[in-house]
Protein backbone atom coordinates (compact mmCIF):
# COMPACT_ATOMS: atom_id res chain seq x y z
CA MET A 1 -0.15 -0.05 -0.11
CA ALA A 2 1.67 3.25 -0.89
CA ALA A 3 2.90 5.40 1.72
CA ASP A 4 0.22 8.23 1.67
CA THR A 5 -2.44 5.53 1.90
CA ALA A 6 -1.20 3.87 4.94
CA LEU A 7 -3.90 3.38 7.30
CA VAL A 8 -1.42 3.19 10.47
CA ALA A 9 1.36 6.18 11.52
CA GLU A 10 2.76 7.49 14.37
CA ARG A 11 5.59 10.07 14.98
CA ARG A 12 7.28 10.75 17.99
CA PHE A 13 9.46 14.06 18.20
CA ARG A 14 9.62 16.77 21.03
CA ALA A 15 7.79 19.51 21.52
CA MET A 16 6.31 21.44 24.25
CA GLY A 17 9.71 20.89 26.58
CA THR A 18 8.83 17.05 26.52
CA ASP A 19 8.57 13.94 24.19
CA ALA A 20 5.65 13.80 22.22
CA HIS A 21 4.18 11.05 20.13
CA VAL A 22 1.44 10.43 17.72
CA VAL A 23 -0.47 7.39 16.99
CA ILE A 24 -3.33 7.63 13.66
CA ASN A 25 -5.57 5.04 12.45
CA GLY A 26 -7.41 5.51 9.31
CA PRO A 27 -7.04 6.58 5.63
CA ASP A 28 -4.00 8.83 4.74
CA ALA A 29 -2.51 8.13 8.06
CA GLU A 30 0.61 9.30 7.34
CA ALA A 31 0.18 13.07 6.18
CA ALA A 32 -2.79 12.97 8.88
CA ALA A 33 -0.02 12.25 11.49
CA ASP A 34 2.34 14.68 10.01
CA THR A 35 -0.34 17.55 9.85
CA ALA A 36 -1.13 16.10 14.26
CA VAL A 37 2.42 16.96 14.18
CA ALA A 38 2.67 20.61 12.83
CA ARG A 39 -0.01 21.42 14.54
CA VAL A 40 1.26 20.87 18.40
CA VAL A 41 4.09 22.87 16.87
CA ASP A 42 1.66 25.63 16.28
CA LEU A 43 0.51 25.66 19.57
CA GLU A 44 3.19 25.53 21.07
CA ARG A 45 4.20 28.96 19.21
CA ARG A 46 1.20 29.94 20.70
CA TRP A 47 1.09 29.13 24.08
CA SER A 48 4.79 28.84 25.05
CA ARG A 49 5.75 31.14 28.13
CA PHE A 50 9.76 30.65 26.52
CA LEU A 51 9.17 32.10 23.38
CA GLU A 52 8.81 36.42 23.16
CA HIS A 53 6.11 36.45 20.33
CA SER A 54 3.84 33.78 21.69
CA GLU A 55 0.32 34.88 22.31
CA ILE A 56 0.85 34.25 25.79
CA SER A 57 4.38 36.31 26.38
CA ARG A 58 2.46 38.60 24.62
CA LEU A 59 -0.47 39.03 26.54
CA ASN A 60 1.40 38.74 29.53
CA ALA A 61 3.55 41.70 28.70
CA THR A 62 0.52 43.68 28.43
CA SER A 63 -1.47 43.06 31.67
CA GLY A 64 -4.27 45.94 32.68
CA GLN A 65 -5.05 46.50 28.59
CA PRO A 66 -6.75 43.95 26.57
CA VAL A 67 -5.80 41.74 24.00
CA VAL A 68 -7.07 40.16 21.19
CA VAL A 69 -5.67 36.30 21.01
CA SER A 70 -6.58 33.39 18.43
CA VAL A 71 -9.88 31.06 19.24
CA ASP A 72 -7.15 28.58 20.40
CA THR A 73 -5.19 30.69 22.99
CA PHE A 74 -8.70 32.22 23.97
CA GLY A 75 -10.25 28.69 24.86
CA LEU A 76 -6.93 27.43 26.80
CA ILE A 77 -7.92 30.12 29.08
CA GLU A 78 -11.09 30.13 29.47
CA LYS A 79 -10.90 26.37 30.53
CA ALA A 80 -7.85 27.29 33.03
CA VAL A 81 -10.27 30.01 34.48
CA PHE A 82 -12.76 27.46 34.84
CA ALA A 83 -10.38 24.89 36.35
CA TRP A 84 -9.23 27.73 39.84
CA GLN A 85 -13.17 27.54 39.65
CA LEU A 86 -13.76 24.21 39.37
CA THR A 87 -10.59 22.95 42.39
CA SER A 88 -11.31 25.74 44.13
CA GLY A 89 -8.21 28.02 43.76
CA ALA A 90 -6.14 24.77 44.10
CA PHE A 91 -5.06 24.70 40.66
CA ASP A 92 -4.16 28.08 39.72
CA PRO A 93 -2.92 29.54 36.55
CA THR A 94 -2.05 33.37 38.10
CA MET A 95 1.75 32.05 39.52
CA LEU A 96 4.40 32.03 36.93
CA SER A 97 6.15 35.53 38.93
CA THR A 98 6.30 32.82 41.69
CA LEU A 99 7.67 30.36 39.91
CA GLU A 100 10.07 32.23 37.59
CA ALA A 101 11.28 34.38 41.09
CA LEU A 102 12.38 30.91 42.42
CA GLY A 103 14.51 30.04 39.56
CA TYR A 104 12.11 28.11 36.77
CA ASP A 105 12.25 31.37 34.50
CA ARG A 106 13.46 29.68 31.30
CA THR A 107 13.22 26.05 29.42
CA PHE A 108 14.18 23.54 32.65
CA ALA A 109 17.37 22.96 30.63
CA SER A 110 18.73 26.02 31.60
CA ILE A 111 17.25 26.68 35.06
CA ASP A 112 19.10 29.46 36.66
CA ARG A 113 20.82 27.93 39.35
CA SER A 114 20.91 31.67 41.43
CA ALA A 115 17.46 32.10 41.57
CA PRO A 116 17.06 34.61 45.10
CA ASP A 117 16.05 31.57 47.99
CA VAL A 118 12.52 31.13 48.64
CA ASP A 119 11.78 33.02 51.67
CA THR A 120 12.88 36.30 49.37
CA ALA A 121 10.16 35.13 46.18
CA ARG A 122 7.46 34.39 48.85
CA ARG A 123 8.05 37.36 50.50
CA SER A 124 8.25 40.13 47.63
CA PRO A 125 4.63 41.37 46.63
CA GLN A 126 5.21 41.17 42.64
CA VAL A 127 5.37 37.53 42.68
CA ARG A 128 2.71 35.93 44.56
CA ALA A 129 0.24 34.40 43.03
CA MET A 130 -3.11 36.73 42.53
CA GLY A 131 -5.75 33.91 41.48
CA ALA A 132 -7.67 34.13 38.44
CA ALA A 133 -10.70 35.59 39.38
CA ASP A 134 -10.02 39.44 37.66
CA ILE A 135 -9.03 37.96 34.02
CA VAL A 136 -11.43 39.69 31.43
CA LEU A 137 -13.00 37.25 28.80
CA ASP A 138 -14.73 38.57 25.82
CA ARG A 139 -15.64 35.71 23.62
CA SER A 140 -17.28 38.32 21.54
CA ASN A 141 -14.04 39.39 19.84
CA ASN A 142 -11.64 37.02 21.40
CA THR A 143 -10.16 39.14 23.44
CA VAL A 144 -8.69 38.51 27.37
CA VAL A 145 -7.50 41.13 29.91
CA LEU A 146 -4.91 40.32 32.70
CA PRO A 147 -5.21 41.97 35.88
CA LEU A 148 -2.01 44.12 35.99
CA GLY A 149 0.24 42.86 37.27
CA VAL A 150 -1.30 39.21 36.95
CA ARG A 151 0.37 36.46 34.21
CA PHE A 152 -0.79 33.65 32.52
CA ASP A 153 0.98 30.26 33.03
CA PRO A 154 -0.13 26.77 30.59
CA GLY A 155 1.73 25.08 32.36
CA GLY A 156 -0.78 22.24 34.33
CA ILE A 157 -2.78 22.37 31.64
CA GLY A 158 -1.74 23.22 27.88
CA LYS A 159 -0.25 19.92 26.62
CA GLY A 160 -3.66 18.47 27.87
CA ALA A 161 -5.45 21.14 25.59
CA ALA A 162 -3.64 20.52 22.86
CA ALA A 163 -4.15 17.11 23.20
CA ASP A 164 -7.37 17.49 22.75
CA LEU A 165 -7.67 20.09 20.00
CA VAL A 166 -5.29 17.91 17.39
CA THR A 167 -7.13 14.98 18.27
CA GLY A 168 -10.99 16.45 17.49
CA GLU A 169 -9.57 17.79 14.64
CA LEU A 170 -7.59 15.32 13.14
CA VAL A 171 -10.68 12.92 13.79
CA ALA A 172 -13.38 15.35 12.36
CA ALA A 173 -10.75 15.10 9.36
CA GLY A 174 -11.10 11.85 9.12
CA ALA A 175 -8.71 9.26 11.45
CA TRP A 176 -10.66 6.48 12.74
CA GLY A 177 -8.51 6.56 15.80
CA ALA A 178 -5.83 9.19 16.86
CA MET A 179 -3.81 9.32 20.24
CA VAL A 180 -1.30 12.08 21.09
CA ASN A 181 0.89 12.15 23.78
CA LEU A 182 2.66 15.28 25.27
CA GLY A 183 4.58 13.83 27.87
CA GLY A 184 2.61 11.37 29.57
CA ASP A 185 -0.60 14.05 29.12
CA LEU A 186 -2.68 12.35 26.42
CA ARG A 187 -6.23 11.99 24.42
CA VAL A 188 -7.51 8.68 22.82
CA ARG A 189 -10.33 8.91 20.47
CA GLY A 190 -11.91 6.75 17.63
CA VAL A 191 -10.94 3.60 16.75
CA PRO A 192 -7.12 2.36 18.00
CA PRO A 193 -4.98 0.51 15.29
CA ASP A 194 -6.00 -3.21 16.63
CA GLY A 195 -10.00 -2.39 17.00
CA LEU A 196 -10.03 -2.47 20.54
CA GLU A 197 -9.43 -0.63 23.24
CA TRP A 198 -5.94 1.70 24.25
CA VAL A 199 -3.54 0.39 25.96
CA ILE A 200 -1.75 3.40 27.88
CA SER A 201 0.97 1.75 30.04
CA VAL A 202 1.98 4.90 32.76
CA ARG A 203 5.68 4.94 33.63
CA GLU A 204 7.66 6.73 35.59
CA PRO A 205 11.56 5.75 35.82
CA ALA A 206 11.88 8.35 39.13
CA VAL A 207 8.75 6.24 41.25
CA GLN A 208 10.12 2.51 39.51
CA SER A 209 11.34 1.24 36.37
CA ALA A 210 8.07 -1.38 36.01
CA PRO A 211 5.00 0.68 35.00
CA LEU A 212 3.14 1.80 37.34
CA ALA A 213 -0.40 0.75 35.46
CA THR A 214 -1.67 -0.29 32.37
CA LEU A 215 -5.34 1.61 31.32
CA ARG A 216 -7.49 0.58 29.08
CA LEU A 217 -9.84 3.61 27.41
CA GLN A 218 -11.92 3.44 24.38
CA ASP A 219 -12.42 7.20 24.43
CA GLY A 220 -10.41 9.28 26.99
CA ALA A 221 -7.41 11.15 28.98
CA VAL A 222 -4.68 9.97 31.08
CA ALA A 223 -2.40 13.01 32.87
CA THR A 224 0.64 12.63 35.43
CA SER A 225 1.67 14.91 37.47
CA THR A 226 5.24 14.44 39.86
CA THR A 227 7.29 16.35 42.07
CA LEU A 228 10.16 14.32 41.02
CA ARG A 229 11.31 14.92 37.76
CA ARG A 230 11.39 19.19 37.48
CA ARG A 231 13.57 19.49 40.38
CA TRP A 232 16.56 22.12 40.58
CA SER A 233 18.41 23.49 43.46
CA THR A 234 18.96 27.21 44.48
CA THR A 235 20.76 29.18 46.94
CA GLY A 236 16.85 28.90 48.78
CA GLY A 237 17.33 24.88 48.87
CA GLU A 238 15.96 22.27 46.26
CA HIS A 239 12.45 23.01 44.05
CA HIS A 240 9.78 21.79 42.02
CA HIS A 241 7.49 23.37 39.67
CA LEU A 242 4.36 22.25 41.50
CA LEU A 243 3.25 25.36 43.81
CA ASP A 244 0.56 25.17 46.34
CA PRO A 245 -1.65 28.37 46.20
CA ARG A 246 -1.98 28.87 49.39
CA THR A 247 1.21 29.69 50.37
CA SER A 248 3.26 30.01 46.60
CA LEU A 249 5.76 27.81 47.57
CA PRO A 250 6.19 24.19 46.51
CA HIS A 251 4.31 21.90 48.33
CA LYS A 252 5.54 19.96 51.05
CA GLU A 253 3.12 17.65 51.61
CA ALA A 254 3.08 16.02 48.13
CA ALA A 255 2.37 13.19 46.61
CA ASP A 256 5.52 11.82 44.56
CA LEU A 257 2.99 11.33 42.02
CA VAL A 258 -1.01 11.57 40.44
CA THR A 259 -1.79 10.03 37.36
CA VAL A 260 -5.57 10.87 36.42
CA VAL A 261 -8.04 9.39 33.87
CA ALA A 262 -11.00 11.86 32.67
CA GLY A 263 -12.78 12.29 29.52
CA GLU A 264 -10.62 14.83 28.61
CA ALA A 265 -6.99 15.50 28.66
CA TRP A 266 -7.01 18.92 30.13
CA TRP A 267 -9.20 17.84 32.90
CA ALA A 268 -6.83 15.39 33.64
CA GLU A 269 -4.14 17.73 33.95
CA VAL A 270 -5.62 20.24 36.28
CA CYS A 271 -6.56 17.56 38.53
CA ALA A 272 -3.35 15.63 38.52
CA THR A 273 -1.52 19.23 39.54
CA ALA A 274 -4.16 19.82 41.94
CA LEU A 275 -4.26 16.01 43.64
CA ILE A 276 -0.42 16.47 43.90
CA GLY A 277 -1.39 18.63 47.20
CA HIS A 278 -4.65 18.52 47.77
CA GLY A 279 -6.00 14.60 47.91
CA ASP A 280 -8.86 15.02 49.48
CA LEU A 281 -10.01 17.04 46.63
CA ASP A 282 -13.57 15.79 45.53
CA LEU A 283 -13.18 17.00 41.45
CA PRO A 284 -15.69 15.83 38.78
CA GLY A 285 -15.39 13.60 36.16
CA GLN A 286 -11.92 11.80 37.21
CA SER A 287 -10.43 8.83 39.21
CA ALA A 288 -7.06 8.55 40.15
CA LEU A 289 -4.04 6.85 41.58
CA ARG A 290 -1.50 8.85 44.17
CA VAL A 291 1.64 7.13 44.43
CA HIS A 292 3.73 8.68 47.73
CA ALA A 293 6.86 8.84 48.36
CA ASP A 294 6.94 5.67 51.17
CA GLY A 295 5.61 3.92 48.15
CA ARG A 296 1.41 3.69 49.40
CA ARG A 297 -0.22 3.93 47.06
CA GLU A 298 -3.85 5.44 46.60
CA HIS A 299 -6.71 5.06 44.55
CA VAL A 300 -9.61 7.39 43.52
CA GLY A 301 -12.79 7.27 42.49
CA MET A 302 -13.24 4.36 40.27
CA PHE A 303 -9.53 3.73 38.76
CA GLU A 304 -9.84 0.74 39.49
CA ARG A 305 -12.11 0.70 36.74
CA HIS A 306 -9.22 1.54 33.56
CA THR A 307 -6.93 -0.84 34.38
CA VAL A 308 -5.69 -4.18 33.02
């Protein structure tokens, strides 16, 4: 069969600061896979806080003023504000300045090792999280106004939202099934190549070498957050990138890892982020696995229902 009409195709590449994996099942799968890669790269260009001319960077540079953004970016910010509401603030997309003050002010590979200590960051009023309550969204013209001094962080929702968007577009364009996995935050839709269910292995070598779980999904999402992967040391000590909005500090009493199964990847990613340090949260439409530092495993909701 000609390459351009192949029924199954996959791509592995780097995007959004992580390893990406796309699988397509259906007519012209090779062309669809190329389209998926290009779309993920396009969303990264719009959403990355590390790219000077991205829409997110432009929005953050003009807080207090209305900024016209694309439909994709408007939808991302709208979901983030909704997530802040649903989690009662446990997920806060406005903690970017705090995160940068702790040293995470560039890509993780080139992170600044001479950042101020954590107490300095916490005391500085300009780097405190201010919440999403006063973000103004106008869908009639796709404008966003960030409160003066507030900056938006797409981390914790962007990869999941991208996976939802791209898989939806692929299926709408004729794919029988599609999977987009961005660093462990993934969405599956439609029929997998074997015609049965999508089989997902949850792996985190920092926790254990063997898979933590093997999941079966027909249409849904998986996302994982961990305090073990993105860690760095500065003059203030060792930090990780998952901050507690209550203290503006890295979560202290956090699980090592949380994996969430949900209907949509943006919500799975939000829940995984929120449940790292808030195990008692009752969040709708998700099941979770929490792995603690002592090896204890805790199931939330109907997680076992998805496991092999």
